[in-house]
Amino acid sequence: MSRCQIIALAVLTVFYAVYFGNMLTYAQMQMDPENPVFALTHRSLWTIGDSSSRYEAMGIRMDEIGMAWVIDTEHGFIWHNGGTDDYNR
């Protein structure tokens, strides 16, 4: 499966989960390390190093960005706050 096909499948899966209101299934797919579709969305696309004092106060950082996910490399987790506040590259 090509990278474009995987991305298209990920988009369709998100649409299905959101449209049919099954966010639990969507969350489970996101957290499954064996899911190749969502594994690509968690990869870094760009190093941004753009942590704000507001995020630092909460103990989270904006080190890198993937497909709609912010990657905190210092603490080793991926997060999303529902927006892309402070990211304008």
N, C-alpha and C. Protein backbone atom coordinates (compact mmCIF):
# COMPACT_ATOMS: atom_id res chain seq x y z
N MET A 1 0.85 -1.17 0.00
CA MET A 1 0.00 0.00 0.00
C MET A 1 0.90 1.24 0.00
N SER A 2 0.59 2.19 -0.89
CA SER A 2 1.41 3.39 -0.97
C SER A 2 1.10 4.34 0.18
N ARG A 3 1.99 5.28 0.40
CA ARG A 3 1.79 6.27 1.47
C ARG A 3 0.51 7.07 1.23
N CYS A 4 0.25 7.44 -0.02
CA CYS A 4 -0.98 8.20 -0.34
C CYS A 4 -2.22 7.37 -0.04
N GLN A 5 -2.18 6.08 -0.34
CA GLN A 5 -3.32 5.21 -0.04
C GLN A 5 -3.54 5.09 1.47
N ILE A 6 -2.44 5.01 2.21
CA ILE A 6 -2.56 4.92 3.67
C ILE A 6 -3.17 6.21 4.23
N ILE A 7 -2.72 7.35 3.72
CA ILE A 7 -3.27 8.63 4.18
C ILE A 7 -4.75 8.72 3.84
N ALA A 8 -5.11 8.33 2.61
CA ALA A 8 -6.52 8.35 2.21
C ALA A 8 -7.36 7.44 3.11
N LEU A 9 -6.83 6.28 3.44
CA LEU A 9 -7.54 5.36 4.32
C LEU A 9 -7.69 5.96 5.72
N ALA A 10 -6.65 6.63 6.19
CA ALA A 10 -6.73 7.28 7.50
C ALA A 10 -7.81 8.36 7.50
N VAL A 11 -7.86 9.16 6.43
CA VAL A 11 -8.88 10.21 6.35
C VAL A 11 -10.28 9.61 6.33
N LEU A 12 -10.48 8.57 5.55
CA LEU A 12 -11.78 7.91 5.50
C LEU A 12 -12.16 7.30 6.85
N THR A 13 -11.19 6.74 7.53
CA THR A 13 -11.45 6.14 8.84
C THR A 13 -11.87 7.20 9.85
N VAL A 14 -11.18 8.34 9.83
CA VAL A 14 -11.54 9.44 10.72
C VAL A 14 -12.95 9.92 10.40
N PHE A 15 -13.25 10.10 9.11
CA PHE A 15 -14.59 10.53 8.72
C PHE A 15 -15.64 9.56 9.23
N TYR A 16 -15.41 8.28 9.04
CA TYR A 16 -16.36 7.26 9.50
C TYR A 16 -16.57 7.35 11.01
N ALA A 17 -15.46 7.41 11.75
CA ALA A 17 -15.56 7.44 13.21
C ALA A 17 -16.29 8.68 13.70
N VAL A 18 -15.97 9.83 13.12
CA VAL A 18 -16.60 11.08 13.56
C VAL A 18 -18.05 11.14 13.09
N TYR A 19 -18.31 10.80 11.84
CA TYR A 19 -19.66 10.90 11.29
C TYR A 19 -20.63 9.99 12.01
N PHE A 20 -20.21 8.79 12.33
CA PHE A 20 -21.09 7.85 13.00
C PHE A 20 -20.99 7.92 14.52
N GLY A 21 -20.25 8.89 15.01
CA GLY A 21 -20.21 9.15 16.45
C GLY A 21 -19.50 8.10 17.27
N ASN A 22 -18.61 7.37 16.66
CA ASN A 22 -17.92 6.31 17.39
C ASN A 22 -16.50 6.75 17.72
N MET A 23 -16.38 7.72 18.59
CA MET A 23 -15.08 8.27 18.93
C MET A 23 -14.23 7.28 19.74
N LEU A 24 -14.88 6.37 20.45
CA LEU A 24 -14.11 5.37 21.20
C LEU A 24 -13.34 4.48 20.24
N THR A 25 -13.97 4.06 19.16
CA THR A 25 -13.29 3.25 18.16
C THR A 25 -12.14 4.03 17.54
N TYR A 26 -12.39 5.30 17.24
CA TYR A 26 -11.36 6.16 16.67
C TYR A 26 -10.17 6.28 17.63
N ALA A 27 -10.44 6.49 18.90
CA ALA A 27 -9.37 6.61 19.90
C ALA A 27 -8.58 5.30 20.01
N GLN A 28 -9.28 4.18 19.97
CA GLN A 28 -8.60 2.88 20.04
C GLN A 28 -7.69 2.67 18.84
N MET A 29 -8.16 3.08 17.65
CA MET A 29 -7.33 2.96 16.45
C MET A 29 -6.10 3.85 16.55
N GLN A 30 -6.26 5.05 17.11
CA GLN A 30 -5.13 5.96 17.25
C GLN A 30 -4.08 5.40 18.20
N MET A 31 -4.50 4.71 19.23
CA MET A 31 -3.57 4.22 20.25
C MET A 31 -3.01 2.84 19.97
N ASP A 32 -3.46 2.20 18.90
CA ASP A 32 -2.99 0.86 18.56
C ASP A 32 -1.65 0.96 17.82
N PRO A 33 -0.55 0.56 18.46
CA PRO A 33 0.77 0.69 17.82
C PRO A 33 0.93 -0.21 16.59
N GLU A 34 0.06 -1.20 16.43
CA GLU A 34 0.14 -2.11 15.29
C GLU A 34 -0.67 -1.63 14.10
N ASN A 35 -1.37 -0.50 14.22
CA ASN A 35 -2.20 0.02 13.14
C ASN A 35 -1.33 0.83 12.18
N PRO A 36 -1.04 0.31 10.98
CA PRO A 36 -0.14 1.01 10.06
C PRO A 36 -0.72 2.32 9.52
N VAL A 37 -2.03 2.41 9.47
CA VAL A 37 -2.68 3.62 8.96
C VAL A 37 -2.38 4.79 9.88
N PHE A 38 -2.59 4.62 11.15
CA PHE A 38 -2.41 5.72 12.08
C PHE A 38 -0.96 5.91 12.50
N ALA A 39 -0.14 4.89 12.32
CA ALA A 39 1.29 5.03 12.64
C ALA A 39 1.90 6.16 11.81
N LEU A 40 1.48 6.30 10.56
CA LEU A 40 2.01 7.37 9.72
C LEU A 40 1.62 8.75 10.23
N THR A 41 0.44 8.87 10.80
CA THR A 41 -0.01 10.19 11.27
C THR A 41 0.75 10.63 12.51
N HIS A 42 1.43 9.72 13.17
CA HIS A 42 2.19 10.02 14.37
C HIS A 42 3.66 10.31 14.09
N ARG A 43 4.07 10.20 12.85
CA ARG A 43 5.47 10.48 12.48
C ARG A 43 5.69 11.98 12.34
N SER A 44 6.87 12.39 12.69
CA SER A 44 7.23 13.80 12.58
C SER A 44 7.36 14.21 11.12
N LEU A 45 6.72 15.32 10.77
CA LEU A 45 6.86 15.89 9.44
C LEU A 45 7.76 17.12 9.46
N TRP A 46 7.83 17.75 10.63
CA TRP A 46 8.58 19.00 10.72
C TRP A 46 9.00 19.23 12.17
N THR A 47 10.22 19.65 12.37
CA THR A 47 10.66 20.05 13.70
C THR A 47 10.32 21.52 13.86
N ILE A 48 9.51 21.83 14.87
CA ILE A 48 9.05 23.21 15.03
C ILE A 48 9.68 23.90 16.23
N GLY A 49 9.94 23.17 17.31
CA GLY A 49 10.55 23.77 18.50
C GLY A 49 9.85 25.05 18.92
N ASP A 50 8.54 24.99 19.03
CA ASP A 50 7.74 26.19 19.25
C ASP A 50 6.90 26.09 20.52
N SER A 51 7.50 25.64 21.61
CA SER A 51 6.77 25.54 22.86
C SER A 51 6.52 26.92 23.44
N SER A 52 5.32 27.14 23.90
CA SER A 52 4.98 28.42 24.52
C SER A 52 5.08 28.28 26.03
N SER A 53 5.14 29.39 26.72
CA SER A 53 5.20 29.36 28.19
C SER A 53 3.92 28.75 28.76
N ARG A 54 2.81 28.94 28.06
CA ARG A 54 1.53 28.36 28.51
C ARG A 54 1.61 26.83 28.48
N TYR A 55 2.14 26.27 27.39
CA TYR A 55 2.27 24.82 27.31
C TYR A 55 3.33 24.30 28.28
N GLU A 56 4.43 25.02 28.39
CA GLU A 56 5.50 24.63 29.32
C GLU A 56 4.96 24.54 30.75
N ALA A 57 4.06 25.48 31.12
CA ALA A 57 3.47 25.47 32.46
C ALA A 57 2.63 24.22 32.70
N MET A 58 2.09 23.64 31.62
CA MET A 58 1.29 22.42 31.74
C MET A 58 2.15 21.16 31.59
N GLY A 59 3.45 21.36 31.36
CA GLY A 59 4.35 20.22 31.24
C GLY A 59 4.31 19.55 29.87
N ILE A 60 3.90 20.29 28.85
CA ILE A 60 3.90 19.75 27.51
C ILE A 60 4.68 20.68 26.59
N ARG A 61 5.18 20.11 25.51
CA ARG A 61 6.02 20.87 24.58
C ARG A 61 5.52 20.67 23.15
N MET A 62 5.88 21.62 22.29
CA MET A 62 5.61 21.52 20.85
C MET A 62 6.96 21.41 20.14
N ASP A 63 7.52 20.20 20.12
CA ASP A 63 8.84 20.00 19.53
C ASP A 63 8.75 19.72 18.03
N GLU A 64 7.82 18.87 17.65
CA GLU A 64 7.66 18.48 16.25
C GLU A 64 6.18 18.38 15.94
N ILE A 65 5.87 18.34 14.64
CA ILE A 65 4.46 18.20 14.25
C ILE A 65 4.33 17.09 13.23
N GLY A 66 3.29 16.28 13.39
CA GLY A 66 2.96 15.23 12.43
C GLY A 66 1.66 15.62 11.75
N MET A 67 0.94 14.66 11.23
CA MET A 67 -0.35 14.95 10.59
C MET A 67 -1.38 15.26 11.67
N ALA A 68 -1.51 16.53 12.00
CA ALA A 68 -2.48 17.02 12.98
C ALA A 68 -2.12 16.66 14.42
N TRP A 69 -0.94 16.13 14.66
CA TRP A 69 -0.51 15.77 16.00
C TRP A 69 0.75 16.54 16.36
N VAL A 70 0.82 16.98 17.59
CA VAL A 70 2.01 17.64 18.10
C VAL A 70 2.83 16.58 18.84
N ILE A 71 4.12 16.58 18.61
CA ILE A 71 4.99 15.56 19.19
C ILE A 71 5.89 16.23 20.23
N ASP A 72 5.80 15.74 21.45
CA ASP A 72 6.62 16.21 22.55
C ASP A 72 7.76 15.21 22.70
N THR A 73 8.91 15.52 22.10
CA THR A 73 10.03 14.58 22.11
C THR A 73 10.69 14.51 23.48
N GLU A 74 10.64 15.58 24.23
CA GLU A 74 11.29 15.59 25.55
C GLU A 74 10.60 14.64 26.52
N HIS A 75 9.26 14.61 26.48
CA HIS A 75 8.49 13.77 27.40
C HIS A 75 8.01 12.46 26.76
N GLY A 76 8.19 12.34 25.43
CA GLY A 76 7.88 11.09 24.74
C GLY A 76 6.41 10.81 24.51
N PHE A 77 5.62 11.84 24.19
CA PHE A 77 4.22 11.56 23.85
C PHE A 77 3.73 12.46 22.72
N ILE A 78 2.60 12.05 22.16
CA ILE A 78 1.96 12.75 21.05
C ILE A 78 0.64 13.28 21.57
N TRP A 79 0.31 14.52 21.22
CA TRP A 79 -0.91 15.11 21.75
C TRP A 79 -1.57 16.02 20.73
N HIS A 80 -2.80 16.36 21.01
CA HIS A 80 -3.56 17.30 20.18
C HIS A 80 -4.54 18.01 21.09
N ASN A 81 -4.67 19.30 20.90
CA ASN A 81 -5.58 20.06 21.75
C ASN A 81 -6.84 20.52 21.03
N GLY A 82 -7.08 20.00 19.84
CA GLY A 82 -8.27 20.39 19.09
C GLY A 82 -8.01 21.55 18.15
N GLY A 83 -6.82 22.10 18.17
CA GLY A 83 -6.47 23.19 17.29
C GLY A 83 -4.99 23.17 17.02
N THR A 84 -4.52 24.17 16.33
CA THR A 84 -3.09 24.28 16.09
C THR A 84 -2.62 25.64 16.56
N ASP A 85 -3.04 26.02 17.74
CA ASP A 85 -2.68 27.30 18.35
C ASP A 85 -1.17 27.46 18.39
N ASP A 86 -0.70 28.64 18.10
CA ASP A 86 0.73 28.97 18.12
C ASP A 86 1.54 28.28 17.03
N TYR A 87 0.92 27.58 16.12
CA TYR A 87 1.66 26.96 15.01
C TYR A 87 1.27 27.68 13.74
N ASN A 88 2.21 28.41 13.17
CA ASN A 88 1.88 29.20 11.98
C ASN A 88 2.98 29.15 10.94
N ARG A 89 3.61 28.05 10.77
CA ARG A 89 4.68 27.93 9.79
C ARG A 89 4.13 27.57 8.44
